[in-house]
Protein backbone atom coordinates (compact mmCIF):
# COMPACT_ATOMS: atom_id res chain seq x y z
CA MET A 1 67.30 89.11 96.70
CA PHE A 2 66.52 91.68 92.77
CA LYS A 3 70.28 92.82 93.15
CA ARG A 4 71.17 88.99 92.95
CA LEU A 5 69.59 88.31 89.94
CA LEU A 6 71.79 91.23 87.84
CA PRO A 7 75.08 90.89 86.61
CA LEU A 8 77.67 92.20 88.29
CA PRO A 9 78.64 94.76 85.99
CA ILE A 10 75.31 96.01 86.26
CA ARG A 11 75.07 96.12 89.50
CA ARG A 12 78.22 98.26 89.69
CA LEU A 13 77.06 100.73 87.11
CA VAL A 14 73.83 101.05 89.15
CA LYS A 15 75.71 102.00 92.53
CA SER A 16 78.09 104.05 90.47
CA ILE A 17 75.28 106.27 89.02
CA LEU A 18 73.52 106.44 92.25
CA TYR A 19 76.20 106.98 94.07
CA ARG A 20 77.18 110.05 92.07
CA LEU A 21 73.85 111.39 92.47
CA TRP A 22 74.11 111.35 95.99
CA ASP A 23 77.68 112.96 95.44
CA GLN A 24 76.23 116.02 93.78
CA TYR A 25 73.31 116.22 96.43
CA ASP A 26 76.07 116.83 98.92
CA SER A 27 77.98 119.09 97.36
CA LEU A 28 74.53 121.14 96.65
CA ARG A 29 74.11 121.37 100.60
CA GLY A 30 77.49 122.19 101.28
CA HIS A 31 78.54 118.61 102.99
CA ARG A 32 81.30 117.92 101.40
CA ASP A 33 84.69 116.72 103.71
CA PRO A 34 87.76 117.66 102.14
CA LEU A 35 89.28 114.67 103.80
CA THR A 36 86.64 112.21 102.93
CA PRO A 37 86.31 110.99 98.91
CA PRO A 38 83.34 111.09 97.04
CA ARG A 39 81.10 107.82 97.55
CA SER A 40 81.30 107.17 93.85
CA ARG A 41 85.39 106.78 94.31
CA ILE A 42 85.49 104.78 97.13
CA PHE A 43 86.27 101.05 96.24
CA ILE A 44 87.21 99.42 99.50
CA GLY A 45 85.42 97.52 102.33
CA ALA A 46 81.58 98.19 103.49
CA GLY A 47 80.58 100.61 106.02
CA ASP A 48 80.86 104.39 106.79
CA PHE A 49 84.12 105.54 105.60
CA ARG A 50 84.85 107.84 108.68
CA THR A 51 83.59 105.53 110.72
CA VAL A 52 85.73 102.67 109.91
CA GLY A 53 88.92 104.66 109.54
CA GLN A 54 88.48 105.79 113.20
CA ARG A 55 87.68 102.14 114.39
CA PHE A 56 90.97 101.13 113.04
CA LYS A 57 92.59 103.77 114.26
CA GLN A 58 91.76 102.62 118.00
CA LEU A 59 92.53 99.33 117.01
CA PHE A 60 95.82 100.02 115.78
CA THR A 61 96.60 102.02 119.27
CA GLU A 62 94.93 99.58 121.82
CA LEU A 63 95.96 96.28 120.20
CA GLY A 64 98.83 97.34 117.58
CA GLY A 65 100.48 99.60 119.96
CA LEU A 66 100.78 101.96 117.44
CA LYS A 67 102.55 105.41 118.91
CA PRO A 68 102.38 108.73 117.78
CA THR A 69 105.99 108.78 117.12
CA ASP A 70 105.99 106.04 114.56
CA ALA A 71 107.03 105.87 111.22
CA VAL A 72 104.28 103.74 109.47
CA LEU A 73 103.65 101.85 106.35
CA ASP A 74 99.86 100.99 104.96
CA VAL A 75 100.30 98.09 102.40
CA GLY A 76 96.98 98.65 100.37
CA CYS A 77 96.04 101.83 101.82
CA GLY A 78 92.91 102.38 99.21
CA ILE A 79 91.78 105.89 98.83
CA GLY A 80 93.09 106.73 102.38
CA ARG A 81 90.11 105.44 105.11
CA MET A 82 93.51 104.61 107.01
CA ALA A 83 95.45 107.82 106.28
CA VAL A 84 92.86 110.53 107.14
CA PRO A 85 92.55 109.33 111.22
CA LEU A 86 96.27 109.01 111.86
CA THR A 87 96.79 112.64 110.50
CA ASN A 88 95.45 114.12 113.98
CA TYR A 89 97.71 111.50 115.60
CA LEU A 90 101.03 111.02 114.40
CA ILE A 91 103.66 113.66 115.27
CA ALA A 92 106.13 114.83 112.92
CA PRO A 93 109.22 114.63 112.54
CA ASP A 94 109.41 111.05 113.64
CA GLY A 95 105.55 110.45 113.25
CA ARG A 96 105.10 109.75 109.52
CA TYR A 97 102.79 107.87 107.02
CA GLU A 98 103.61 105.92 103.39
CA GLY A 99 101.03 104.28 101.54
CA PHE A 100 101.02 102.24 98.44
CA ASP A 101 98.49 100.77 96.68
CA ILE A 102 97.40 98.91 93.11
CA VAL A 103 94.53 100.95 92.18
CA ALA A 104 95.61 104.40 90.83
CA GLN A 105 92.46 106.55 91.21
CA GLY A 106 92.97 105.78 95.08
CA ILE A 107 96.37 107.06 95.17
CA THR A 108 95.52 110.35 92.55
CA TRP A 109 92.79 111.36 95.26
CA CYS A 110 95.05 110.90 98.32
CA GLN A 111 98.29 112.42 96.62
CA ARG A 112 95.71 115.56 95.83
CA ASN A 113 93.55 115.85 99.15
CA ILE A 114 95.94 114.48 101.86
CA THR A 115 99.62 114.89 100.93
CA PRO A 116 98.83 118.56 100.40
CA ARG A 117 97.66 119.21 104.20
CA PHE A 118 99.56 116.85 105.86
CA PRO A 119 103.22 116.68 104.00
CA THR A 120 104.05 113.31 106.05
CA PHE A 121 101.88 111.31 104.62
CA ARG A 122 102.88 110.16 101.15
CA PHE A 123 101.47 107.93 98.49
CA GLN A 124 102.28 105.81 95.98
CA LEU A 125 101.12 103.64 93.26
CA ALA A 126 102.69 100.27 92.72
CA ASP A 127 101.58 99.06 89.21
CA VAL A 128 101.00 95.09 90.64
CA HIS A 129 99.10 92.54 89.13
CA ASN A 130 95.45 91.61 90.68
CA ALA A 131 92.97 89.96 88.73
CA HIS A 132 90.15 91.54 90.88
CA TYR A 133 91.52 94.96 91.42
CA ASN A 134 94.17 95.49 88.65
CA PRO A 135 94.26 92.98 86.03
CA ASN A 136 96.41 95.16 83.70
CA GLY A 137 98.81 95.61 86.53
CA ARG A 138 102.70 94.86 85.32
CA PHE A 139 104.15 93.45 88.12
CA PRO A 140 103.50 90.16 89.32
CA ALA A 141 102.79 90.37 93.28
CA HIS A 142 104.94 86.95 94.08
CA GLN A 143 107.65 89.17 92.73
CA TYR A 144 107.06 92.58 94.45
CA ARG A 145 109.63 94.73 96.21
CA PHE A 146 108.14 97.05 98.77
CA PRO A 147 109.90 100.60 97.58
CA TYR A 148 111.22 101.14 100.88
CA ALA A 149 114.57 100.49 102.50
CA ASP A 150 115.38 97.87 105.35
CA ASN A 151 113.96 98.32 108.88
CA GLU A 152 112.52 101.80 107.69
CA PHE A 153 109.22 101.31 109.89
CA ASP A 154 107.72 100.93 113.71
CA PHE A 155 104.54 99.86 112.44
CA VAL A 156 103.34 98.20 109.17
CA PHE A 157 99.63 97.14 108.57
CA LEU A 158 97.73 95.59 105.97
CA THR A 159 93.88 95.51 106.28
CA SER A 160 92.07 93.17 104.32
CA VAL A 161 95.13 92.66 101.91
CA PHE A 162 95.91 88.92 102.18
CA THR A 163 92.29 88.44 101.44
CA HIS A 164 92.91 89.03 97.73
CA MET A 165 96.26 87.04 97.50
CA ASP A 166 97.44 83.74 96.62
CA ARG A 167 99.79 81.57 98.54
CA PRO A 168 102.89 82.93 96.89
CA GLU A 169 102.29 86.26 97.15
CA ILE A 170 101.17 86.48 100.48
CA GLU A 171 104.39 84.71 101.25
CA ARG A 172 105.96 87.38 99.32
CA TYR A 173 104.76 89.99 101.30
CA THR A 174 105.36 88.60 104.16
CA THR A 175 109.17 88.44 103.25
CA GLN A 176 108.85 92.32 102.40
CA ILE A 177 107.27 93.08 105.87
CA ALA A 178 109.90 91.55 107.63
CA ARG A 179 112.55 93.01 105.79
CA VAL A 180 110.95 97.05 105.98
CA LEU A 181 110.07 96.51 109.88
CA ARG A 182 112.63 97.77 112.29
CA PRO A 183 113.59 95.50 114.94
CA GLY A 184 110.45 95.57 117.77
CA GLY A 185 108.39 96.97 115.20
CA ARG A 186 104.97 95.81 115.11
CA ALA A 187 102.55 94.37 111.83
CA PHE A 188 98.68 94.67 112.20
CA ILE A 189 97.26 92.45 109.64
CA THR A 190 93.62 91.65 109.17
CA MET A 191 92.69 88.36 107.03
CA PHE A 192 90.31 85.15 106.88
CA LEU A 193 91.74 82.26 109.16
CA LEU A 194 90.20 78.80 108.72
CA ASN A 195 90.09 76.87 111.95
CA ASP A 196 87.96 74.28 113.75
CA GLU A 197 85.75 77.05 114.93
CA SER A 198 85.23 78.71 111.68
CA ARG A 199 85.03 75.72 109.74
CA ALA A 200 82.31 74.47 111.92
CA LEU A 201 80.01 77.78 111.77
CA MET A 202 80.69 77.59 107.82
CA ALA A 203 79.54 74.15 107.69
CA ALA A 204 76.67 75.55 109.99
CA GLY A 205 75.87 77.95 107.47
CA GLN A 206 76.36 80.91 109.83
CA SER A 207 79.06 82.59 108.16
CA GLN A 208 78.78 85.34 105.92
CA TYR A 209 81.41 83.66 103.48
CA ASN A 210 81.75 80.20 102.57
CA PHE A 211 85.45 79.25 101.68
CA ARG A 212 84.88 75.83 100.89
CA HIS A 213 86.81 75.97 97.34
CA ALA A 214 90.64 74.62 98.01
CA LEU A 215 92.61 76.00 95.37
CA ASN A 216 96.33 75.76 95.35
CA GLY A 217 96.79 76.40 99.54
CA ARG A 218 93.83 78.38 99.89
CA TRP A 219 90.34 78.29 99.89
CA VAL A 220 87.86 80.42 98.13
CA PHE A 221 84.18 81.47 98.37
CA ASP A 222 83.92 81.73 94.35
CA PRO A 223 86.17 79.73 92.02
CA THR A 224 85.38 81.73 89.24
CA ASN A 225 87.02 84.89 90.97
CA PRO A 226 89.13 83.81 93.83
CA GLU A 227 90.70 87.30 94.23
CA ALA A 228 87.71 88.32 95.64
CA GLY A 229 87.58 86.66 98.46
CA SER A 230 90.48 84.03 100.36
CA ALA A 231 91.04 82.24 103.50
CA TYR A 232 93.99 80.74 104.94
CA ASP A 233 94.65 77.41 107.34
CA GLU A 234 95.54 79.06 110.66
CA THR A 235 98.74 76.89 110.91
CA PHE A 236 100.29 77.79 107.60
CA VAL A 237 99.63 81.13 108.50
CA ARG A 238 101.48 80.55 111.97
CA ASP A 239 103.76 78.85 110.35
CA LEU A 240 104.59 81.37 107.58
CA PHE A 241 105.19 83.95 110.14
CA ALA A 242 107.26 82.02 112.17
CA ARG A 243 109.67 81.13 109.15
CA HIS A 244 110.22 84.64 108.63
CA GLN A 245 110.81 85.53 112.50
CA LEU A 246 108.14 87.56 113.16
CA THR A 247 106.60 86.54 116.32
CA LEU A 248 102.82 86.63 117.03
CA ARG A 249 101.56 88.08 119.72
CA GLU A 250 98.93 85.95 121.49
CA PRO A 251 95.90 85.85 121.22
CA ILE A 252 94.44 86.31 117.88
CA TYR A 253 91.54 88.79 117.74
CA TYR A 254 89.02 86.35 115.79
CA GLY A 255 86.22 88.21 113.92
CA SER A 256 82.76 87.97 113.29
CA TRP A 257 82.83 86.99 109.94
CA CYS A 258 81.99 83.34 110.10
CA GLY A 259 79.15 84.17 112.49
CA ARG A 260 80.90 84.23 116.29
CA THR A 261 79.15 86.26 119.02
CA ASP A 262 82.69 86.97 120.90
CA PHE A 263 84.45 89.03 118.22
CA THR A 264 86.84 92.23 117.71
CA SER A 265 86.15 93.30 114.29
CA PHE A 266 84.78 91.90 111.00
CA GLN A 267 87.65 89.82 110.19
CA ASP A 268 90.38 88.12 112.25
CA ILE A 269 93.22 90.09 113.45
CA LEU A 270 96.92 88.93 113.81
CA ILE A 271 99.59 91.52 115.62
CA LEU A 272 103.29 90.50 115.07
CA GLU A 273 106.41 91.74 116.28
CA LYS A 274 110.28 91.52 114.40
């Protein structure tokens, strides 16, 4: 309750100070893992960095069919949470990893700590505008072209990327996913989907997020900061992927975010095939 009374910038400052102290304590005790970024630099998601990454590696292989020889693209790679567990899974030269993100500090950390140890893991900064993560970005997301060739990847994944994008932006990114995937390639996407079940749970007060504000084809929980979290109607999402010749592999693996008791992960997971 107390922390909710504090303005967001103050909460972030307090969190940063506490994490820096914790990082220093780990360093003094010799507990620093070179492939785990300092807590004070982690800007993505909740949960333990290593644990979450390992869980998604399992989901990529079991649900998405990721193979050790796949060429992989991580859209919105953050600070390497998904990349690190794949370093001991993908087998060079065919198995390789490319990641890009709009947050410079994440890319810098990955380039300095992951690529020197694993040269087939490469990271690029995309200076794309996002009001929540990169407000000074130069390029609009709804016009952005992924910096990769057509038909380059076997497996593309986006974990909670569409969560922070508006409708024209996710339509553009879907176009790019379809372009860079090879025929037969798969895409693994997590997002918030609205359907009868999730809406009923939100109405009953069971959901962690209440996407009740309609905004230009999406639903948000905070209209003053819509990029903090967006949800989309499942019918729209199904049609979007079908229009781009991406086949949805049934079933959709629904998440716990809205209060479900039968779930796979926190967000809803969609597996697509080109």
